[in-house]
Each structure stands twice: as structure tokens, then as C-alpha cells.
Amino acid sequence: MPADSISPVPFDTRAFRKALGCFPTGVAVITAQPSGQLPVGLTINSFASVSLDPPLVLWSLQRDAPSKDAILQSGHFVVNVLDETQLRLAQQFARPAIDKFDGVEISTNRWGAPYIKKCIARFECKVMNCVDGGDHVIFLGEVEHFHHETGAPLVFCHGMFASVADTRPKQITG
């Protein structure tokens, strides 16, 4: 049988997602304040550093998410990295709701964007680019201000939220 007539094996997206779930990630809430609109907020686990000079970070969002246009219109976003005690916040911002900020202790930065007061780290960013990433878009942000505290981060692994009991660095010898 000629090689070009062999049907390719369909890609198993469910198994792919399960394999990706083996990699623990941090959990963050993205917040932004588009002009003349309600603030937006959403839970992500796709946050990553890109560059130290200039300071750049990225995160991804499902292409058809309603908050995509609002974040682009605002021109800025805040990455609020959650600690292990903030599971409720992660769940609250992951659900569709009219006011995800209800009951959340927030403040605003110089652009008027809300940020969560008590989080383990915060990165206030200017949107540098938004690029195609298949069924997602990838936001690239330049960090204009950041703040961090000590504590253990909330993590996501194998489709579940978890905590890290000890996040102090250890020297491993082999």
C-alpha cells in the first residue's frame, strides 16, 4: 500500500490533555479594567516568564473567551498569583458570573485595574502582543511593576488544585 494512502491515526486530545496535566502549574487570576466597562477577572494556569530584560511574561486564553476583547481594549492586565489558601478565589474567578469580584478584597493600580490585595505575587503588565495559539490566544505582557510575598503557591496538577507543603529550595545531589 502506498504511504500516501495510509490514514493518519486521529490525535487523541483527551489523552494529550491528561499528559499535560502531569506538569504542575501555578494558579493565577488575571484582572483588567477596560474603559467604561465592568472589571474582568479569570483564573488561569498558563502563566510563564519569558524574559528578564525586558521583563516579559505570557499567559493564554481560550480564543472565544468573552474577556479577551475587554483585556485587549484595556491595554493592561494584572497577574495575581494565588497562594495555597486561595482555592475559593481560584474557583470564584473560574466560573461565569456577573460580578466575580464580589467579596474579594481588592485595590486598584495606577491604570485603575483591580488587583487582589492578598496574593503571593502580583505582576502589573502592559499588553505587548496577542498572538494566535490554535484554539487559544497568547498574551505577552511587559511587566511595569511587581510585588511578592513569602508563602506556598496554589498549584494545579492532574486536573485538581493542590498545595505545595514545602516550597523552600533544596539542594539535590546525585
Foldseek 3Di string as FASTA:
>chain_A
DDPVPDDDDDDDVVVVVLVVLQDKFFKWKKWFDAPPDDIAIAIFRAWDWDDVVQTKIKGKDFPPDPCPVRCVRRQKMKIFTAAPVVPVLNVLRHDDDPDSCVPFDWDADPSRIIDGPDHFKMFIWGFPDWDDDDRMIMTMTGGPDMDGDDHWTWMGHSRDIDTDPDDDDDDDDD
